[in-house]
Amino acid sequence: MQFKESEYWAESFSDLAMSEKKVVGIEFDDCTFKGCDLKACDFVGCRFIDCQFVSCDMNVVTFSGCRFESTHFSACKLNGVDWTKVDYSEFIHEAPFSFYASVLDYSSFFGEKLEGLSLRQCRLCEVDFREARLKGADFSDSELRGTLFRHSDLSSANFEGASDYQIDLRINTIAGARFSRDEALSLLDALEITLC
């Protein structure tokens, strides 16, 4: 399928096969994408407002110059996505997207300001959050093996139920963040101390 209109409102797209296609300058408002194959799809200058992506394969998709507002990804595969290519110029307060039960391995949010970003019950292995401002972000019940946090603002973030994270207290801001008691012991790893 090729999108023929420049704007779509309240449309529902199911089982689209758009792998490796290019989609340029289209606005999607209150649209739902369900079970779509969007692998390596190249979205350029598109806008997603109040959209839902459910059970979509979006591995190595690109969002060059795209804008998001209140868009939610649920049970999606989003491996290898470079979220730094998104256009955040109209982003004011809340993060423009959220994720639930999705896989975002090998993705990058390097240096982005995404306060309140929600990544609940996600797999976030080898994700780059270096220098990101993630105040109030929700990582609850997510797997964070190999994820990079360096000079990241994680103040008031929620890590309850999250696992396998390595956060160096000396080079990250974590004031007010919440951690599960057992997993919080990993915060001491970088201090090279021994607990008796």
N, C-alpha and C. Protein backbone atom coordinates (compact mmCIF):
# COMPACT_ATOMS: atom_id res chain seq x y z
N MET A 1 0.84 -1.20 0.00
CA MET A 1 0.00 0.00 0.00
C MET A 1 0.87 1.24 0.00
N GLN A 2 0.43 2.25 -0.69
CA GLN A 2 1.04 3.58 -0.65
C GLN A 2 -0.01 4.54 -0.11
N PHE A 3 0.42 5.45 0.75
CA PHE A 3 -0.51 6.46 1.26
C PHE A 3 -0.71 7.52 0.17
N LYS A 4 -1.97 7.76 -0.21
CA LYS A 4 -2.27 8.67 -1.31
C LYS A 4 -2.71 10.04 -0.84
N GLU A 5 -3.16 10.14 0.40
CA GLU A 5 -3.62 11.43 0.93
C GLU A 5 -2.48 12.08 1.72
N SER A 6 -2.57 13.38 1.92
CA SER A 6 -1.56 14.08 2.71
C SER A 6 -1.92 14.09 4.19
N GLU A 7 -3.20 13.81 4.49
CA GLU A 7 -3.66 13.77 5.88
C GLU A 7 -4.63 12.61 6.07
N TYR A 8 -4.49 11.97 7.23
CA TYR A 8 -5.41 10.89 7.60
C TYR A 8 -5.90 11.17 9.01
N TRP A 9 -7.20 11.10 9.20
CA TRP A 9 -7.77 11.36 10.52
C TRP A 9 -8.64 10.18 10.95
N ALA A 10 -8.41 9.68 12.17
CA ALA A 10 -9.21 8.60 12.76
C ALA A 10 -9.29 7.37 11.85
N GLU A 11 -8.20 7.09 11.15
CA GLU A 11 -8.15 5.90 10.30
C GLU A 11 -7.52 4.74 11.09
N SER A 12 -7.91 3.53 10.71
CA SER A 12 -7.33 2.34 11.31
C SER A 12 -6.65 1.54 10.20
N PHE A 13 -5.34 1.29 10.39
CA PHE A 13 -4.57 0.55 9.40
C PHE A 13 -4.16 -0.79 10.01
N SER A 14 -4.58 -1.88 9.40
CA SER A 14 -4.27 -3.21 9.92
C SER A 14 -3.47 -4.01 8.90
N ASP A 15 -2.45 -4.70 9.41
CA ASP A 15 -1.65 -5.63 8.60
C ASP A 15 -1.05 -4.99 7.34
N LEU A 16 -0.68 -3.73 7.43
CA LEU A 16 -0.01 -3.08 6.31
C LEU A 16 1.35 -3.73 6.08
N ALA A 17 1.72 -3.92 4.83
CA ALA A 17 3.05 -4.41 4.48
C ALA A 17 3.81 -3.26 3.84
N MET A 18 4.57 -2.55 4.66
CA MET A 18 5.27 -1.34 4.20
C MET A 18 6.77 -1.43 4.42
N SER A 19 7.29 -2.64 4.53
CA SER A 19 8.71 -2.82 4.80
C SER A 19 9.56 -2.11 3.74
N GLU A 20 10.52 -1.32 4.21
CA GLU A 20 11.48 -0.61 3.36
C GLU A 20 10.86 0.41 2.41
N LYS A 21 9.64 0.85 2.69
CA LYS A 21 9.00 1.88 1.88
C LYS A 21 9.37 3.26 2.43
N LYS A 22 9.13 4.30 1.63
CA LYS A 22 9.38 5.68 2.06
C LYS A 22 8.05 6.41 2.11
N VAL A 23 7.80 7.09 3.25
CA VAL A 23 6.56 7.83 3.45
C VAL A 23 6.95 9.27 3.78
N VAL A 24 6.54 10.21 2.93
CA VAL A 24 7.00 11.59 3.07
C VAL A 24 5.85 12.57 3.32
N GLY A 25 6.01 13.39 4.38
CA GLY A 25 5.15 14.55 4.60
C GLY A 25 3.69 14.29 4.87
N ILE A 26 3.35 13.16 5.47
CA ILE A 26 1.94 12.85 5.74
C ILE A 26 1.63 13.09 7.22
N GLU A 27 0.45 13.62 7.48
CA GLU A 27 -0.01 13.83 8.85
C GLU A 27 -1.04 12.76 9.21
N PHE A 28 -0.78 12.07 10.33
CA PHE A 28 -1.70 11.06 10.85
C PHE A 28 -2.25 11.56 12.18
N ASP A 29 -3.54 11.76 12.25
CA ASP A 29 -4.17 12.29 13.46
C ASP A 29 -5.18 11.26 13.98
N ASP A 30 -4.97 10.81 15.23
CA ASP A 30 -5.87 9.84 15.87
C ASP A 30 -5.99 8.55 15.05
N CYS A 31 -4.87 8.11 14.49
CA CYS A 31 -4.86 6.88 13.68
C CYS A 31 -4.30 5.71 14.48
N THR A 32 -4.72 4.52 14.12
CA THR A 32 -4.24 3.29 14.75
C THR A 32 -3.59 2.40 13.70
N PHE A 33 -2.38 1.93 14.03
CA PHE A 33 -1.66 0.99 13.18
C PHE A 33 -1.58 -0.32 13.96
N LYS A 34 -2.16 -1.39 13.43
CA LYS A 34 -2.20 -2.65 14.17
C LYS A 34 -1.64 -3.79 13.32
N GLY A 35 -0.64 -4.49 13.87
CA GLY A 35 -0.09 -5.65 13.20
C GLY A 35 0.60 -5.32 11.88
N CYS A 36 1.13 -4.12 11.77
CA CYS A 36 1.74 -3.69 10.50
C CYS A 36 3.21 -4.06 10.42
N ASP A 37 3.67 -4.37 9.19
CA ASP A 37 5.08 -4.64 8.93
C ASP A 37 5.68 -3.33 8.40
N LEU A 38 6.37 -2.62 9.29
CA LEU A 38 6.98 -1.34 8.93
C LEU A 38 8.50 -1.40 9.06
N LYS A 39 9.06 -2.60 8.96
CA LYS A 39 10.51 -2.78 9.08
C LYS A 39 11.24 -1.89 8.10
N ALA A 40 12.23 -1.15 8.61
CA ALA A 40 13.10 -0.30 7.78
C ALA A 40 12.32 0.69 6.93
N CYS A 41 11.09 0.99 7.35
CA CYS A 41 10.30 2.01 6.65
C CYS A 41 10.93 3.37 6.95
N ASP A 42 10.98 4.24 5.96
CA ASP A 42 11.60 5.56 6.11
C ASP A 42 10.51 6.62 6.11
N PHE A 43 10.14 7.08 7.32
CA PHE A 43 9.17 8.17 7.45
C PHE A 43 9.95 9.48 7.45
N VAL A 44 9.61 10.39 6.57
CA VAL A 44 10.32 11.66 6.44
C VAL A 44 9.34 12.81 6.57
N GLY A 45 9.55 13.67 7.56
CA GLY A 45 8.72 14.86 7.72
C GLY A 45 7.25 14.57 7.98
N CYS A 46 6.95 13.43 8.56
CA CYS A 46 5.55 13.08 8.88
C CYS A 46 5.19 13.59 10.27
N ARG A 47 3.90 13.59 10.55
CA ARG A 47 3.43 14.02 11.87
C ARG A 47 2.45 12.98 12.39
N PHE A 48 2.64 12.60 13.65
CA PHE A 48 1.77 11.60 14.30
C PHE A 48 1.17 12.24 15.54
N ILE A 49 -0.14 12.45 15.52
CA ILE A 49 -0.84 13.09 16.64
C ILE A 49 -1.85 12.12 17.22
N ASP A 50 -1.74 11.83 18.51
CA ASP A 50 -2.68 10.92 19.19
C ASP A 50 -2.82 9.58 18.46
N CYS A 51 -1.71 9.05 17.97
CA CYS A 51 -1.74 7.78 17.24
C CYS A 51 -1.38 6.61 18.14
N GLN A 52 -1.78 5.43 17.72
CA GLN A 52 -1.49 4.19 18.43
C GLN A 52 -0.82 3.21 17.46
N PHE A 53 0.30 2.63 17.88
CA PHE A 53 0.94 1.55 17.14
C PHE A 53 0.85 0.31 18.02
N VAL A 54 0.19 -0.73 17.53
CA VAL A 54 -0.04 -1.93 18.33
C VAL A 54 0.49 -3.15 17.58
N SER A 55 1.37 -3.89 18.24
CA SER A 55 1.91 -5.15 17.68
C SER A 55 2.48 -4.95 16.27
N CYS A 56 3.21 -3.87 16.08
CA CYS A 56 3.82 -3.60 14.78
C CYS A 56 5.31 -3.97 14.80
N ASP A 57 5.81 -4.45 13.66
CA ASP A 57 7.24 -4.70 13.49
C ASP A 57 7.84 -3.45 12.87
N MET A 58 8.58 -2.70 13.70
CA MET A 58 9.15 -1.42 13.26
C MET A 58 10.66 -1.40 13.45
N ASN A 59 11.27 -2.56 13.36
CA ASN A 59 12.72 -2.62 13.52
C ASN A 59 13.42 -1.74 12.49
N VAL A 60 14.42 -1.03 12.93
CA VAL A 60 15.23 -0.08 12.15
C VAL A 60 14.41 0.88 11.29
N VAL A 61 13.22 1.23 11.76
CA VAL A 61 12.44 2.27 11.10
C VAL A 61 13.15 3.61 11.33
N THR A 62 12.99 4.56 10.41
CA THR A 62 13.55 5.89 10.63
C THR A 62 12.42 6.92 10.63
N PHE A 63 12.59 7.93 11.49
CA PHE A 63 11.60 9.01 11.62
C PHE A 63 12.30 10.35 11.37
N SER A 64 12.93 10.50 10.24
CA SER A 64 13.71 11.71 9.95
C SER A 64 12.80 12.94 9.87
N GLY A 65 13.03 13.87 10.81
CA GLY A 65 12.27 15.11 10.81
C GLY A 65 10.80 14.94 11.12
N CYS A 66 10.41 13.81 11.69
CA CYS A 66 8.99 13.57 12.03
C CYS A 66 8.67 14.19 13.39
N ARG A 67 7.42 14.55 13.55
CA ARG A 67 6.95 15.11 14.83
C ARG A 67 5.91 14.17 15.43
N PHE A 68 5.97 14.05 16.75
CA PHE A 68 5.03 13.20 17.48
C PHE A 68 4.32 14.02 18.54
N GLU A 69 3.09 13.64 18.80
CA GLU A 69 2.35 14.24 19.91
C GLU A 69 1.41 13.18 20.46
N SER A 70 1.59 12.85 21.74
CA SER A 70 0.72 11.87 22.42
C SER A 70 0.56 10.57 21.63
N THR A 71 1.67 10.04 21.14
CA THR A 71 1.63 8.79 20.37
C THR A 71 2.12 7.65 21.23
N HIS A 72 1.45 6.50 21.15
CA HIS A 72 1.74 5.38 22.04
C HIS A 72 2.09 4.13 21.22
N PHE A 73 3.16 3.46 21.64
CA PHE A 73 3.59 2.20 21.02
C PHE A 73 3.37 1.08 22.03
N SER A 74 2.61 0.06 21.65
CA SER A 74 2.32 -1.05 22.54
C SER A 74 2.64 -2.38 21.85
N ALA A 75 3.45 -3.21 22.53
CA ALA A 75 3.83 -4.53 22.01
C ALA A 75 4.45 -4.44 20.61
N CYS A 76 5.26 -3.42 20.41
CA CYS A 76 5.92 -3.23 19.11
C CYS A 76 7.39 -3.63 19.17
N LYS A 77 7.94 -3.98 18.02
CA LYS A 77 9.38 -4.24 17.89
C LYS A 77 10.01 -2.99 17.28
N LEU A 78 10.88 -2.33 18.05
CA LEU A 78 11.49 -1.07 17.63
C LEU A 78 13.00 -1.12 17.79
N ASN A 79 13.59 -2.24 17.42
CA ASN A 79 15.04 -2.40 17.55
C ASN A 79 15.78 -1.47 16.61
N GLY A 80 16.88 -0.89 17.11
CA GLY A 80 17.78 -0.12 16.25
C GLY A 80 17.21 1.19 15.73
N VAL A 81 16.29 1.80 16.46
CA VAL A 81 15.70 3.07 16.02
C VAL A 81 16.51 4.23 16.60
N ASP A 82 16.86 5.18 15.75
CA ASP A 82 17.58 6.38 16.19
C ASP A 82 16.56 7.49 16.43
N TRP A 83 16.16 7.63 17.70
CA TRP A 83 15.13 8.61 18.07
C TRP A 83 15.67 10.04 18.06
N THR A 84 16.96 10.21 17.84
CA THR A 84 17.53 11.56 17.77
C THR A 84 17.19 12.23 16.43
N LYS A 85 16.67 11.47 15.46
CA LYS A 85 16.31 12.05 14.15
C LYS A 85 14.93 12.67 14.15
N VAL A 86 14.18 12.47 15.25
CA VAL A 86 12.84 13.04 15.37
C VAL A 86 12.95 14.56 15.53
N ASP A 87 11.97 15.29 15.02
CA ASP A 87 11.92 16.74 15.18
C ASP A 87 11.22 17.05 16.50
N TYR A 88 11.99 17.54 17.47
CA TYR A 88 11.44 17.87 18.79
C TYR A 88 11.16 19.37 18.94
N SER A 89 11.16 20.13 17.84
CA SER A 89 11.07 21.59 17.94
C SER A 89 9.75 22.08 18.55
N GLU A 90 8.67 21.33 18.42
CA GLU A 90 7.40 21.76 19.00
C GLU A 90 7.12 21.07 20.33
N PHE A 91 8.06 20.23 20.76
CA PHE A 91 7.92 19.51 22.04
C PHE A 91 8.08 20.50 23.17
N ILE A 92 7.08 20.60 24.04
CA ILE A 92 7.11 21.60 25.10
C ILE A 92 7.24 20.98 26.49
N HIS A 93 6.31 20.14 26.88
CA HIS A 93 6.31 19.64 28.25
C HIS A 93 6.52 18.13 28.33
N GLU A 94 5.49 17.37 28.05
CA GLU A 94 5.57 15.92 28.19
C GLU A 94 6.26 15.30 26.98
N ALA A 95 6.87 14.12 27.20
CA ALA A 95 7.47 13.40 26.09
C ALA A 95 6.40 13.16 25.02
N PRO A 96 6.77 13.28 23.74
CA PRO A 96 5.76 13.20 22.68
C PRO A 96 5.29 11.78 22.35
N PHE A 97 5.93 10.77 22.98
CA PHE A 97 5.53 9.39 22.73
C PHE A 97 5.76 8.57 23.99
N SER A 98 5.15 7.38 24.04
CA SER A 98 5.32 6.47 25.17
C SER A 98 5.34 5.04 24.65
N PHE A 99 5.89 4.14 25.49
CA PHE A 99 6.07 2.75 25.06
C PHE A 99 5.60 1.80 26.17
N TYR A 100 4.96 0.72 25.76
CA TYR A 100 4.51 -0.30 26.71
C TYR A 100 4.78 -1.68 26.11
N ALA A 101 5.41 -2.55 26.89
CA ALA A 101 5.65 -3.94 26.49
C ALA A 101 6.26 -4.04 25.09
N SER A 102 7.16 -3.13 24.79
CA SER A 102 7.80 -3.11 23.48
C SER A 102 9.29 -3.41 23.59
N VAL A 103 9.92 -3.74 22.47
CA VAL A 103 11.34 -4.05 22.43
C VAL A 103 12.05 -2.93 21.68
N LEU A 104 12.98 -2.26 22.39
CA LEU A 104 13.69 -1.13 21.78
C LEU A 104 15.21 -1.33 21.82
N ASP A 105 15.66 -2.57 21.77
CA ASP A 105 17.09 -2.85 21.85
C ASP A 105 17.87 -2.05 20.80
N TYR A 106 19.09 -1.65 21.17
CA TYR A 106 20.03 -0.96 20.27
C TYR A 106 19.49 0.35 19.70
N SER A 107 18.60 0.99 20.42
CA SER A 107 18.06 2.28 19.99
C SER A 107 18.84 3.42 20.65
N SER A 108 18.63 4.64 20.16
CA SER A 108 19.35 5.78 20.72
C SER A 108 18.43 6.95 21.02
N PHE A 109 18.58 7.45 22.26
CA PHE A 109 17.93 8.68 22.70
C PHE A 109 19.01 9.67 23.16
N PHE A 110 20.19 9.54 22.62
CA PHE A 110 21.35 10.31 23.06
C PHE A 110 21.06 11.81 23.08
N GLY A 111 21.27 12.41 24.26
CA GLY A 111 21.18 13.86 24.40
C GLY A 111 19.80 14.47 24.31
N GLU A 112 18.74 13.65 24.22
CA GLU A 112 17.40 14.22 24.07
C GLU A 112 16.80 14.63 25.41
N LYS A 113 15.95 15.63 25.39
CA LYS A 113 15.21 16.08 26.57
C LYS A 113 13.81 15.47 26.48
N LEU A 114 13.59 14.41 27.28
CA LEU A 114 12.33 13.67 27.22
C LEU A 114 11.79 13.44 28.63
N GLU A 115 11.50 14.52 29.30
CA GLU A 115 11.00 14.42 30.66
C GLU A 115 9.65 13.69 30.67
N GLY A 116 9.52 12.78 31.62
CA GLY A 116 8.27 12.03 31.74
C GLY A 116 8.11 10.90 30.74
N LEU A 117 9.17 10.57 30.02
CA LEU A 117 9.10 9.48 29.04
C LEU A 117 8.68 8.18 29.72
N SER A 118 7.71 7.48 29.16
CA SER A 118 7.22 6.23 29.74
C SER A 118 7.68 5.05 28.89
N LEU A 119 8.40 4.13 29.55
CA LEU A 119 8.92 2.92 28.90
C LEU A 119 8.62 1.73 29.81
N ARG A 120 7.36 1.45 30.05
CA ARG A 120 6.95 0.42 31.01
C ARG A 120 6.96 -0.97 30.38
N GLN A 121 7.49 -1.92 31.14
CA GLN A 121 7.54 -3.34 30.75
C GLN A 121 8.19 -3.54 29.38
N CYS A 122 9.21 -2.75 29.10
CA CYS A 122 9.90 -2.83 27.82
C CYS A 122 11.24 -3.56 27.96
N ARG A 123 11.77 -4.01 26.84
CA ARG A 123 13.13 -4.52 26.82
C ARG A 123 13.99 -3.45 26.16
N LEU A 124 14.98 -2.96 26.91
CA LEU A 124 15.79 -1.83 26.49
C LEU A 124 17.26 -2.19 26.56
N CYS A 125 17.66 -3.25 25.90
CA CYS A 125 19.04 -3.71 25.97
C CYS A 125 19.92 -2.89 25.02
N GLU A 126 21.06 -2.43 25.55
CA GLU A 126 22.04 -1.66 24.77
C GLU A 126 21.45 -0.37 24.21
N VAL A 127 20.52 0.23 24.92
CA VAL A 127 19.93 1.51 24.48
C VAL A 127 20.81 2.66 24.99
N ASP A 128 20.96 3.69 24.18
CA ASP A 128 21.81 4.83 24.51
C ASP A 128 20.99 5.99 25.07
N PHE A 129 21.10 6.19 26.39
CA PHE A 129 20.45 7.32 27.05
C PHE A 129 21.48 8.32 27.56
N ARG A 130 22.71 8.28 27.03
CA ARG A 130 23.74 9.19 27.50
C ARG A 130 23.33 10.65 27.25
N GLU A 131 23.58 11.48 28.27
CA GLU A 131 23.33 12.92 28.21
C GLU A 131 21.87 13.27 27.99
N ALA A 132 20.97 12.32 28.19
CA ALA A 132 19.54 12.59 28.02
C ALA A 132 18.95 13.15 29.31
N ARG A 133 17.96 14.01 29.16
CA ARG A 133 17.24 14.56 30.30
C ARG A 133 15.94 13.78 30.43
N LEU A 134 15.91 12.88 31.42
CA LEU A 134 14.80 11.94 31.58
C LEU A 134 14.12 12.10 32.94
N LYS A 135 14.05 13.31 33.40
CA LYS A 135 13.42 13.58 34.69
C LYS A 135 11.99 13.04 34.70
N GLY A 136 11.68 12.24 35.75
CA GLY A 136 10.34 11.69 35.89
C GLY A 136 10.01 10.57 34.92
N ALA A 137 11.01 10.04 34.22
CA ALA A 137 10.76 8.94 33.28
C ALA A 137 10.33 7.67 34.02
N ASP A 138 9.58 6.82 33.35
CA ASP A 138 9.07 5.59 33.96
C ASP A 138 9.67 4.37 33.25
N PHE A 139 10.63 3.71 33.92
CA PHE A 139 11.26 2.50 33.39
C PHE A 139 10.74 1.26 34.12
N SER A 140 9.62 1.36 34.80
CA SER A 140 9.15 0.28 35.66
C SER A 140 8.99 -1.04 34.90
N ASP A 141 9.48 -2.11 35.56
CA ASP A 141 9.36 -3.48 35.06
C ASP A 141 10.05 -3.70 33.70
N SER A 142 11.02 -2.87 33.38
CA SER A 142 11.74 -3.01 32.11
C SER A 142 13.10 -3.67 32.32
N GLU A 143 13.59 -4.33 31.27
CA GLU A 143 14.92 -4.93 31.29
C GLU A 143 15.89 -3.95 30.63
N LEU A 144 16.99 -3.62 31.35
CA LEU A 144 17.90 -2.57 30.89
C LEU A 144 19.33 -3.06 30.73
N ARG A 145 19.52 -4.31 30.36
CA ARG A 145 20.86 -4.88 30.24
C ARG A 145 21.69 -4.12 29.20
N GLY A 146 22.85 -3.63 29.65
CA GLY A 146 23.78 -2.96 28.74
C GLY A 146 23.39 -1.56 28.33
N THR A 147 22.30 -1.05 28.91
CA THR A 147 21.86 0.30 28.56
C THR A 147 22.83 1.34 29.10
N LEU A 148 23.06 2.39 28.33
CA LEU A 148 24.04 3.41 28.69
C LEU A 148 23.39 4.63 29.32
N PHE A 149 23.81 4.91 30.55
CA PHE A 149 23.42 6.14 31.25
C PHE A 149 24.72 6.84 31.63
N ARG A 150 25.01 7.97 31.01
CA ARG A 150 26.18 8.77 31.36
C ARG A 150 25.81 10.23 31.24
N HIS A 151 25.99 10.96 32.36
CA HIS A 151 25.59 12.37 32.40
C HIS A 151 24.11 12.50 32.05
N SER A 152 23.34 11.54 32.51
CA SER A 152 21.89 11.52 32.27
C SER A 152 21.16 12.06 33.49
N ASP A 153 20.10 12.82 33.27
CA ASP A 153 19.27 13.32 34.37
C ASP A 153 18.12 12.33 34.57
N LEU A 154 18.24 11.53 35.62
CA LEU A 154 17.22 10.52 35.95
C LEU A 154 16.49 10.90 37.23
N SER A 155 16.51 12.17 37.58
CA SER A 155 15.86 12.59 38.82
C SER A 155 14.37 12.29 38.76
N SER A 156 13.87 11.76 39.87
CA SER A 156 12.45 11.39 40.02
C SER A 156 11.99 10.31 39.05
N ALA A 157 12.93 9.61 38.41
CA ALA A 157 12.55 8.51 37.50
C ALA A 157 12.11 7.28 38.31
N ASN A 158 11.31 6.44 37.69
CA ASN A 158 10.80 5.24 38.35
C ASN A 158 11.47 4.00 37.76
N PHE A 159 12.26 3.30 38.58
CA PHE A 159 12.92 2.06 38.18
C PHE A 159 12.36 0.86 38.96
N GLU A 160 11.19 1.01 39.56
CA GLU A 160 10.62 -0.09 40.34
C GLU A 160 10.34 -1.29 39.43
N GLY A 161 10.87 -2.43 39.82
CA GLY A 161 10.68 -3.65 39.05
C GLY A 161 11.59 -3.75 37.84
N ALA A 162 12.37 -2.71 37.56
CA ALA A 162 13.32 -2.76 36.44
C ALA A 162 14.50 -3.64 36.81
N SER A 163 15.18 -4.18 35.80
CA SER A 163 16.29 -5.10 36.09
C SER A 163 17.48 -4.86 35.18
N ASP A 164 18.64 -5.34 35.67
CA ASP A 164 19.88 -5.38 34.89
C ASP A 164 20.44 -4.02 34.49
N TYR A 165 20.11 -2.97 35.24
CA TYR A 165 20.66 -1.65 34.89
C TYR A 165 21.99 -1.43 35.61
N GLN A 166 22.83 -0.61 35.01
CA GLN A 166 24.10 -0.17 35.58
C GLN A 166 24.10 1.35 35.51
N ILE A 167 23.89 1.98 36.65
CA ILE A 167 23.83 3.44 36.70
C ILE A 167 24.91 3.93 37.66
N ASP A 168 25.88 4.66 37.16
CA ASP A 168 26.97 5.17 37.97
C ASP A 168 26.48 6.42 38.70
N LEU A 169 26.41 6.32 40.03
CA LEU A 169 25.92 7.44 40.85
C LEU A 169 26.79 8.68 40.72
N ARG A 170 28.03 8.51 40.34
CA ARG A 170 28.96 9.64 40.28
C ARG A 170 28.78 10.50 39.04
N ILE A 171 28.21 9.95 37.99
CA ILE A 171 28.12 10.72 36.74
C ILE A 171 26.69 10.84 36.21
N ASN A 172 25.71 10.48 37.03
CA ASN A 172 24.30 10.64 36.66
C ASN A 172 23.55 11.31 37.80
N THR A 173 22.47 11.99 37.48
CA THR A 173 21.63 12.63 38.49
C THR A 173 20.45 11.72 38.78
N ILE A 174 20.31 11.27 40.03
CA ILE A 174 19.22 10.34 40.36
C ILE A 174 18.40 10.78 41.58
N ALA A 175 18.53 12.03 41.97
CA ALA A 175 17.78 12.52 43.14
C ALA A 175 16.29 12.27 42.98
N GLY A 176 15.69 11.65 43.98
CA GLY A 176 14.26 11.41 43.97
C GLY A 176 13.82 10.21 43.14
N ALA A 177 14.77 9.51 42.51
CA ALA A 177 14.40 8.33 41.71
C ALA A 177 13.99 7.18 42.62
N ARG A 178 13.14 6.29 42.11
CA ARG A 178 12.65 5.15 42.88
C ARG A 178 13.21 3.85 42.30
N PHE A 179 13.71 2.99 43.20
CA PHE A 179 14.29 1.71 42.80
C PHE A 179 13.74 0.61 43.68
N SER A 180 13.61 -0.60 43.13
CA SER A 180 13.28 -1.76 43.95
C SER A 180 14.48 -2.07 44.83
N ARG A 181 14.22 -2.47 46.08
CA ARG A 181 15.28 -2.66 47.06
C ARG A 181 16.38 -3.62 46.60
N ASP A 182 16.02 -4.78 46.06
CA ASP A 182 17.03 -5.76 45.66
C ASP A 182 17.88 -5.27 44.50
N GLU A 183 17.23 -4.73 43.48
CA GLU A 183 17.97 -4.27 42.30
C GLU A 183 18.80 -3.01 42.59
N ALA A 184 18.39 -2.24 43.59
CA ALA A 184 19.10 -1.00 43.90
C ALA A 184 20.54 -1.25 44.33
N LEU A 185 20.85 -2.45 44.78
CA LEU A 185 22.23 -2.77 45.17
C LEU A 185 23.20 -2.62 44.00
N SER A 186 22.69 -2.75 42.78
CA SER A 186 23.56 -2.60 41.60
C SER A 186 24.09 -1.18 41.47
N LEU A 187 23.43 -0.23 42.14
CA LEU A 187 23.89 1.16 42.09
C LEU A 187 25.25 1.33 42.77
N LEU A 188 25.59 0.37 43.63
CA LEU A 188 26.86 0.44 44.34
C LEU A 188 28.03 -0.15 43.56
N ASP A 189 27.75 -0.83 42.46
CA ASP A 189 28.79 -1.51 41.69
C ASP A 189 29.91 -0.57 41.26
N ALA A 190 29.58 0.60 40.79
CA ALA A 190 30.57 1.54 40.28
C ALA A 190 31.45 2.12 41.40
N LEU A 191 30.97 2.00 42.64
CA LEU A 191 31.73 2.57 43.76
C LEU A 191 32.84 1.64 44.23
N GLU A 192 32.87 0.42 43.70
CA GLU A 192 33.91 -0.55 44.03
C GLU A 192 34.05 -0.75 45.54
N ILE A 193 32.89 -0.97 46.17
CA ILE A 193 32.90 -1.24 47.61
C ILE A 193 32.45 -2.68 47.86
N THR A 194 32.69 -3.17 49.04
CA THR A 194 32.28 -4.53 49.41
C THR A 194 31.26 -4.44 50.53
N LEU A 195 30.12 -5.09 50.32
CA LEU A 195 29.09 -5.15 51.36
C LEU A 195 29.31 -6.40 52.21
N CYS A 196 29.26 -6.24 53.52
CA CYS A 196 29.49 -7.37 54.44
C CYS A 196 28.21 -7.75 55.15
